[in-house]
Amino acid sequence: MVWIEIGAIADIPRRGARCVVTPRGRIAIFRTMDDSVFALEDHCPHRGGPLSQGIVHGTAVTCPLHSFVISLETGKALGADEGEVRTIPIRKEGDRLFLALEAHAA
């Protein structure tokens, strides 16, 4: 894994998100009310809606298009919905955030 710095936790509002574009696609970075951070692929498994534009509540996000609820911890749909998105390792060092990306083979 290669860790890249993506900014400060203050760059993301509490109960909000921002999107980071990587060579592997768009990654949504979420911040909960208690300052936990999570990273998921930025598309809903239902119809590809932008999860980074969804509503964060607890440790879940609701897709803005069709109200699918996705766990920020596992990437799996909650309730009666089915599907999942890939979670991406993220870490916080002080106030800085780092995202893990798979190293490309030479």
N, C-alpha and C. Protein backbone atom coordinates (compact mmCIF):
# COMPACT_ATOMS: atom_id res chain seq x y z
N MET A 1 0.84 -1.19 0.00
CA MET A 1 0.00 0.00 0.00
C MET A 1 0.88 1.25 0.00
N VAL A 2 0.39 2.24 -0.69
CA VAL A 2 1.03 3.54 -0.72
C VAL A 2 0.08 4.51 -0.04
N TRP A 3 0.56 5.23 0.98
CA TRP A 3 -0.27 6.19 1.69
C TRP A 3 -0.04 7.58 1.11
N ILE A 4 -1.14 8.25 0.73
CA ILE A 4 -1.03 9.60 0.22
C ILE A 4 -1.79 10.56 1.12
N GLU A 5 -1.21 11.71 1.35
CA GLU A 5 -1.88 12.72 2.17
C GLU A 5 -2.97 13.38 1.34
N ILE A 6 -4.17 13.49 1.91
CA ILE A 6 -5.29 14.06 1.18
C ILE A 6 -5.82 15.34 1.80
N GLY A 7 -5.22 15.79 2.89
CA GLY A 7 -5.66 17.05 3.50
C GLY A 7 -5.86 16.92 4.99
N ALA A 8 -6.54 17.91 5.55
CA ALA A 8 -6.80 17.95 6.99
C ALA A 8 -8.23 17.54 7.28
N ILE A 9 -8.46 17.03 8.47
CA ILE A 9 -9.82 16.65 8.85
C ILE A 9 -10.74 17.87 8.82
N ALA A 10 -10.20 19.04 9.10
CA ALA A 10 -11.01 20.27 9.08
C ALA A 10 -11.52 20.61 7.68
N ASP A 11 -10.93 20.00 6.64
CA ASP A 11 -11.39 20.22 5.27
C ASP A 11 -12.75 19.57 5.00
N ILE A 12 -13.15 18.66 5.89
CA ILE A 12 -14.41 17.94 5.73
C ILE A 12 -15.35 18.36 6.86
N PRO A 13 -16.52 18.86 6.56
CA PRO A 13 -17.44 19.25 7.64
C PRO A 13 -17.92 18.03 8.42
N ARG A 14 -18.21 18.22 9.70
CA ARG A 14 -18.80 17.13 10.48
C ARG A 14 -20.10 16.70 9.81
N ARG A 15 -20.30 15.38 9.76
CA ARG A 15 -21.46 14.78 9.09
C ARG A 15 -21.52 15.17 7.62
N GLY A 16 -20.31 15.26 7.03
CA GLY A 16 -20.20 15.61 5.63
C GLY A 16 -19.16 14.76 4.92
N ALA A 17 -18.86 15.14 3.68
CA ALA A 17 -17.92 14.36 2.87
C ALA A 17 -17.22 15.27 1.87
N ARG A 18 -16.18 14.74 1.29
CA ARG A 18 -15.53 15.35 0.13
C ARG A 18 -15.08 14.23 -0.77
N CYS A 19 -14.79 14.55 -2.00
CA CYS A 19 -14.41 13.54 -2.98
C CYS A 19 -12.95 13.76 -3.38
N VAL A 20 -12.21 12.66 -3.50
CA VAL A 20 -10.83 12.68 -3.94
C VAL A 20 -10.75 11.85 -5.22
N VAL A 21 -10.15 12.40 -6.25
CA VAL A 21 -9.98 11.66 -7.50
C VAL A 21 -8.61 11.00 -7.47
N THR A 22 -8.59 9.68 -7.68
CA THR A 22 -7.36 8.90 -7.66
C THR A 22 -7.23 8.14 -8.98
N PRO A 23 -6.07 7.54 -9.23
CA PRO A 23 -5.93 6.72 -10.45
C PRO A 23 -6.91 5.54 -10.47
N ARG A 24 -7.42 5.15 -9.31
CA ARG A 24 -8.38 4.05 -9.21
C ARG A 24 -9.83 4.52 -9.22
N GLY A 25 -10.06 5.81 -9.39
CA GLY A 25 -11.43 6.33 -9.43
C GLY A 25 -11.70 7.32 -8.31
N ARG A 26 -12.97 7.71 -8.19
CA ARG A 26 -13.38 8.69 -7.19
C ARG A 26 -13.60 8.00 -5.84
N ILE A 27 -13.00 8.59 -4.80
CA ILE A 27 -13.13 8.07 -3.44
C ILE A 27 -13.81 9.13 -2.60
N ALA A 28 -14.86 8.75 -1.88
CA ALA A 28 -15.56 9.65 -0.97
C ALA A 28 -14.97 9.51 0.42
N ILE A 29 -14.61 10.64 1.02
CA ILE A 29 -14.06 10.67 2.37
C ILE A 29 -15.14 11.26 3.28
N PHE A 30 -15.54 10.54 4.30
CA PHE A 30 -16.62 10.95 5.19
C PHE A 30 -16.09 11.26 6.59
N ARG A 31 -16.72 12.23 7.24
CA ARG A 31 -16.40 12.58 8.63
C ARG A 31 -17.70 12.51 9.43
N THR A 32 -17.67 11.77 10.52
CA THR A 32 -18.86 11.65 11.36
C THR A 32 -18.86 12.76 12.42
N MET A 33 -19.92 12.82 13.18
CA MET A 33 -20.05 13.84 14.21
C MET A 33 -18.94 13.72 15.27
N ASP A 34 -18.47 12.49 15.52
CA ASP A 34 -17.42 12.30 16.53
C ASP A 34 -16.01 12.30 15.92
N ASP A 35 -15.88 12.82 14.69
CA ASP A 35 -14.60 12.97 13.99
C ASP A 35 -13.96 11.67 13.53
N SER A 36 -14.75 10.59 13.44
CA SER A 36 -14.25 9.38 12.79
C SER A 36 -14.25 9.65 11.29
N VAL A 37 -13.31 9.04 10.57
CA VAL A 37 -13.25 9.22 9.12
C VAL A 37 -13.30 7.86 8.44
N PHE A 38 -13.95 7.84 7.27
CA PHE A 38 -14.11 6.63 6.50
C PHE A 38 -13.94 6.97 5.03
N ALA A 39 -13.53 5.99 4.24
CA ALA A 39 -13.37 6.20 2.80
C ALA A 39 -14.04 5.05 2.05
N LEU A 40 -14.86 5.41 1.06
CA LEU A 40 -15.56 4.44 0.21
C LEU A 40 -15.46 4.87 -1.24
N GLU A 41 -15.61 3.91 -2.15
CA GLU A 41 -15.78 4.29 -3.55
C GLU A 41 -16.98 5.22 -3.63
N ASP A 42 -16.90 6.23 -4.47
CA ASP A 42 -17.94 7.26 -4.52
C ASP A 42 -19.06 6.91 -5.48
N HIS A 43 -19.64 5.73 -5.30
CA HIS A 43 -20.81 5.39 -6.11
C HIS A 43 -21.68 4.39 -5.35
N CYS A 44 -22.96 4.62 -5.40
CA CYS A 44 -23.91 3.74 -4.75
C CYS A 44 -24.02 2.44 -5.54
N PRO A 45 -24.13 1.29 -4.88
CA PRO A 45 -24.25 0.03 -5.62
C PRO A 45 -25.58 -0.11 -6.35
N HIS A 46 -26.55 0.73 -6.05
CA HIS A 46 -27.86 0.63 -6.68
C HIS A 46 -27.84 1.18 -8.10
N ARG A 47 -27.56 2.47 -8.24
CA ARG A 47 -27.55 3.09 -9.57
C ARG A 47 -26.36 4.03 -9.77
N GLY A 48 -25.34 3.87 -8.95
CA GLY A 48 -24.12 4.66 -9.14
C GLY A 48 -24.17 6.08 -8.63
N GLY A 49 -25.15 6.41 -7.79
CA GLY A 49 -25.25 7.77 -7.26
C GLY A 49 -24.01 8.18 -6.49
N PRO A 50 -23.70 9.47 -6.44
CA PRO A 50 -22.50 9.97 -5.75
C PRO A 50 -22.69 9.97 -4.23
N LEU A 51 -22.13 8.98 -3.55
CA LEU A 51 -22.28 8.89 -2.10
C LEU A 51 -21.72 10.11 -1.39
N SER A 52 -20.72 10.76 -1.99
CA SER A 52 -20.12 11.95 -1.36
C SER A 52 -21.13 13.10 -1.25
N GLN A 53 -22.23 13.02 -1.96
CA GLN A 53 -23.28 14.03 -1.87
C GLN A 53 -24.44 13.58 -0.99
N GLY A 54 -24.28 12.44 -0.34
CA GLY A 54 -25.33 11.90 0.51
C GLY A 54 -25.36 12.51 1.89
N ILE A 55 -26.29 12.04 2.71
CA ILE A 55 -26.45 12.51 4.08
C ILE A 55 -25.79 11.53 5.03
N VAL A 56 -24.83 12.02 5.83
CA VAL A 56 -24.13 11.19 6.81
C VAL A 56 -24.91 11.21 8.11
N HIS A 57 -25.17 10.01 8.65
CA HIS A 57 -25.87 9.88 9.93
C HIS A 57 -25.27 8.69 10.66
N GLY A 58 -24.77 8.95 11.87
CA GLY A 58 -24.06 7.89 12.60
C GLY A 58 -22.87 7.43 11.78
N THR A 59 -22.79 6.12 11.54
CA THR A 59 -21.72 5.58 10.70
C THR A 59 -22.32 5.03 9.40
N ALA A 60 -23.23 5.79 8.82
CA ALA A 60 -23.85 5.41 7.55
C ALA A 60 -24.03 6.66 6.70
N VAL A 61 -24.25 6.42 5.41
CA VAL A 61 -24.56 7.51 4.48
C VAL A 61 -25.76 7.08 3.65
N THR A 62 -26.66 8.03 3.40
CA THR A 62 -27.82 7.77 2.56
C THR A 62 -27.57 8.36 1.18
N CYS A 63 -27.68 7.54 0.16
CA CYS A 63 -27.46 7.98 -1.21
C CYS A 63 -28.47 9.07 -1.56
N PRO A 64 -28.01 10.14 -2.24
CA PRO A 64 -28.92 11.23 -2.58
C PRO A 64 -29.92 10.90 -3.68
N LEU A 65 -29.70 9.82 -4.43
CA LEU A 65 -30.60 9.52 -5.54
C LEU A 65 -31.82 8.69 -5.15
N HIS A 66 -31.60 7.55 -4.50
CA HIS A 66 -32.71 6.65 -4.21
C HIS A 66 -32.74 6.17 -2.77
N SER A 67 -32.06 6.89 -1.88
CA SER A 67 -32.11 6.66 -0.43
C SER A 67 -31.58 5.31 0.04
N PHE A 68 -30.70 4.68 -0.73
CA PHE A 68 -30.01 3.50 -0.21
C PHE A 68 -29.16 3.95 0.97
N VAL A 69 -29.10 3.14 2.02
CA VAL A 69 -28.28 3.45 3.19
C VAL A 69 -27.09 2.50 3.18
N ILE A 70 -25.88 3.07 3.22
CA ILE A 70 -24.63 2.31 3.14
C ILE A 70 -23.84 2.50 4.42
N SER A 71 -23.34 1.40 4.98
CA SER A 71 -22.48 1.45 6.16
C SER A 71 -21.13 2.04 5.78
N LEU A 72 -20.69 3.05 6.53
CA LEU A 72 -19.35 3.61 6.29
C LEU A 72 -18.27 2.66 6.76
N GLU A 73 -18.60 1.78 7.70
CA GLU A 73 -17.62 0.85 8.25
C GLU A 73 -17.36 -0.34 7.32
N THR A 74 -18.41 -0.85 6.67
CA THR A 74 -18.27 -2.06 5.86
C THR A 74 -18.49 -1.85 4.37
N GLY A 75 -19.15 -0.75 4.00
CA GLY A 75 -19.49 -0.52 2.60
C GLY A 75 -20.73 -1.27 2.15
N LYS A 76 -21.36 -2.02 3.06
CA LYS A 76 -22.54 -2.81 2.69
C LYS A 76 -23.83 -2.03 2.88
N ALA A 77 -24.79 -2.33 2.02
CA ALA A 77 -26.11 -1.73 2.13
C ALA A 77 -26.77 -2.23 3.41
N LEU A 78 -27.52 -1.36 4.06
CA LEU A 78 -28.20 -1.70 5.31
C LEU A 78 -29.69 -1.87 5.07
N GLY A 79 -30.36 -2.53 6.00
CA GLY A 79 -31.79 -2.74 5.87
C GLY A 79 -32.11 -3.74 4.78
N ALA A 80 -33.18 -3.49 4.04
CA ALA A 80 -33.63 -4.40 3.00
C ALA A 80 -32.83 -4.26 1.70
N ASP A 81 -32.04 -3.19 1.59
CA ASP A 81 -31.26 -2.97 0.37
C ASP A 81 -30.12 -3.97 0.27
N GLU A 82 -29.68 -4.23 -0.97
CA GLU A 82 -28.58 -5.17 -1.20
C GLU A 82 -27.50 -4.51 -2.03
N GLY A 83 -26.27 -4.94 -1.81
CA GLY A 83 -25.13 -4.43 -2.56
C GLY A 83 -24.08 -3.89 -1.61
N GLU A 84 -22.92 -3.58 -2.17
CA GLU A 84 -21.85 -3.00 -1.37
C GLU A 84 -20.86 -2.27 -2.25
N VAL A 85 -20.10 -1.38 -1.63
CA VAL A 85 -19.02 -0.67 -2.29
C VAL A 85 -17.73 -0.95 -1.54
N ARG A 86 -16.63 -0.78 -2.22
CA ARG A 86 -15.33 -1.06 -1.62
C ARG A 86 -14.97 0.02 -0.61
N THR A 87 -14.48 -0.41 0.55
CA THR A 87 -13.95 0.52 1.54
C THR A 87 -12.46 0.69 1.26
N ILE A 88 -11.94 1.85 1.58
CA ILE A 88 -10.53 2.17 1.35
C ILE A 88 -9.90 2.49 2.70
N PRO A 89 -8.73 1.90 3.00
CA PRO A 89 -8.08 2.24 4.27
C PRO A 89 -7.75 3.73 4.35
N ILE A 90 -8.03 4.31 5.50
CA ILE A 90 -7.74 5.73 5.75
C ILE A 90 -7.23 5.84 7.17
N ARG A 91 -6.31 6.78 7.39
CA ARG A 91 -5.80 6.98 8.75
C ARG A 91 -5.65 8.47 9.01
N LYS A 92 -5.70 8.79 10.30
CA LYS A 92 -5.58 10.17 10.75
C LYS A 92 -4.32 10.26 11.59
N GLU A 93 -3.44 11.20 11.24
CA GLU A 93 -2.23 11.48 12.02
C GLU A 93 -2.30 12.93 12.43
N GLY A 94 -2.60 13.18 13.70
CA GLY A 94 -2.85 14.54 14.14
C GLY A 94 -4.10 15.03 13.44
N ASP A 95 -3.98 16.12 12.71
CA ASP A 95 -5.15 16.63 11.97
C ASP A 95 -5.07 16.29 10.48
N ARG A 96 -4.06 15.55 10.05
CA ARG A 96 -3.87 15.19 8.64
C ARG A 96 -4.49 13.83 8.32
N LEU A 97 -5.02 13.69 7.11
CA LEU A 97 -5.64 12.45 6.66
C LEU A 97 -4.80 11.82 5.55
N PHE A 98 -4.68 10.49 5.60
CA PHE A 98 -3.92 9.73 4.62
C PHE A 98 -4.78 8.60 4.09
N LEU A 99 -4.77 8.41 2.78
CA LEU A 99 -5.55 7.40 2.10
C LEU A 99 -4.60 6.35 1.55
N ALA A 100 -4.94 5.08 1.72
CA ALA A 100 -4.10 3.99 1.20
C ALA A 100 -4.55 3.63 -0.20
N LEU A 101 -3.63 3.63 -1.12
CA LEU A 101 -3.90 3.20 -2.48
C LEU A 101 -3.01 2.00 -2.79
N GLU A 102 -3.54 1.09 -3.60
CA GLU A 102 -2.75 -0.06 -4.00
C GLU A 102 -1.61 0.41 -4.90
N ALA A 103 -0.43 -0.11 -4.65
CA ALA A 103 0.72 0.25 -5.49
C ALA A 103 0.54 -0.40 -6.85
N HIS A 104 0.84 0.34 -7.90
CA HIS A 104 0.75 -0.22 -9.26
C HIS A 104 1.98 -1.07 -9.53
N ALA A 105 1.77 -2.19 -10.18
CA ALA A 105 2.89 -3.05 -10.54
C ALA A 105 3.73 -2.37 -11.62
N ALA A 106 5.03 -2.51 -11.50
CA ALA A 106 5.92 -1.89 -12.49
C ALA A 106 5.90 -2.66 -13.80
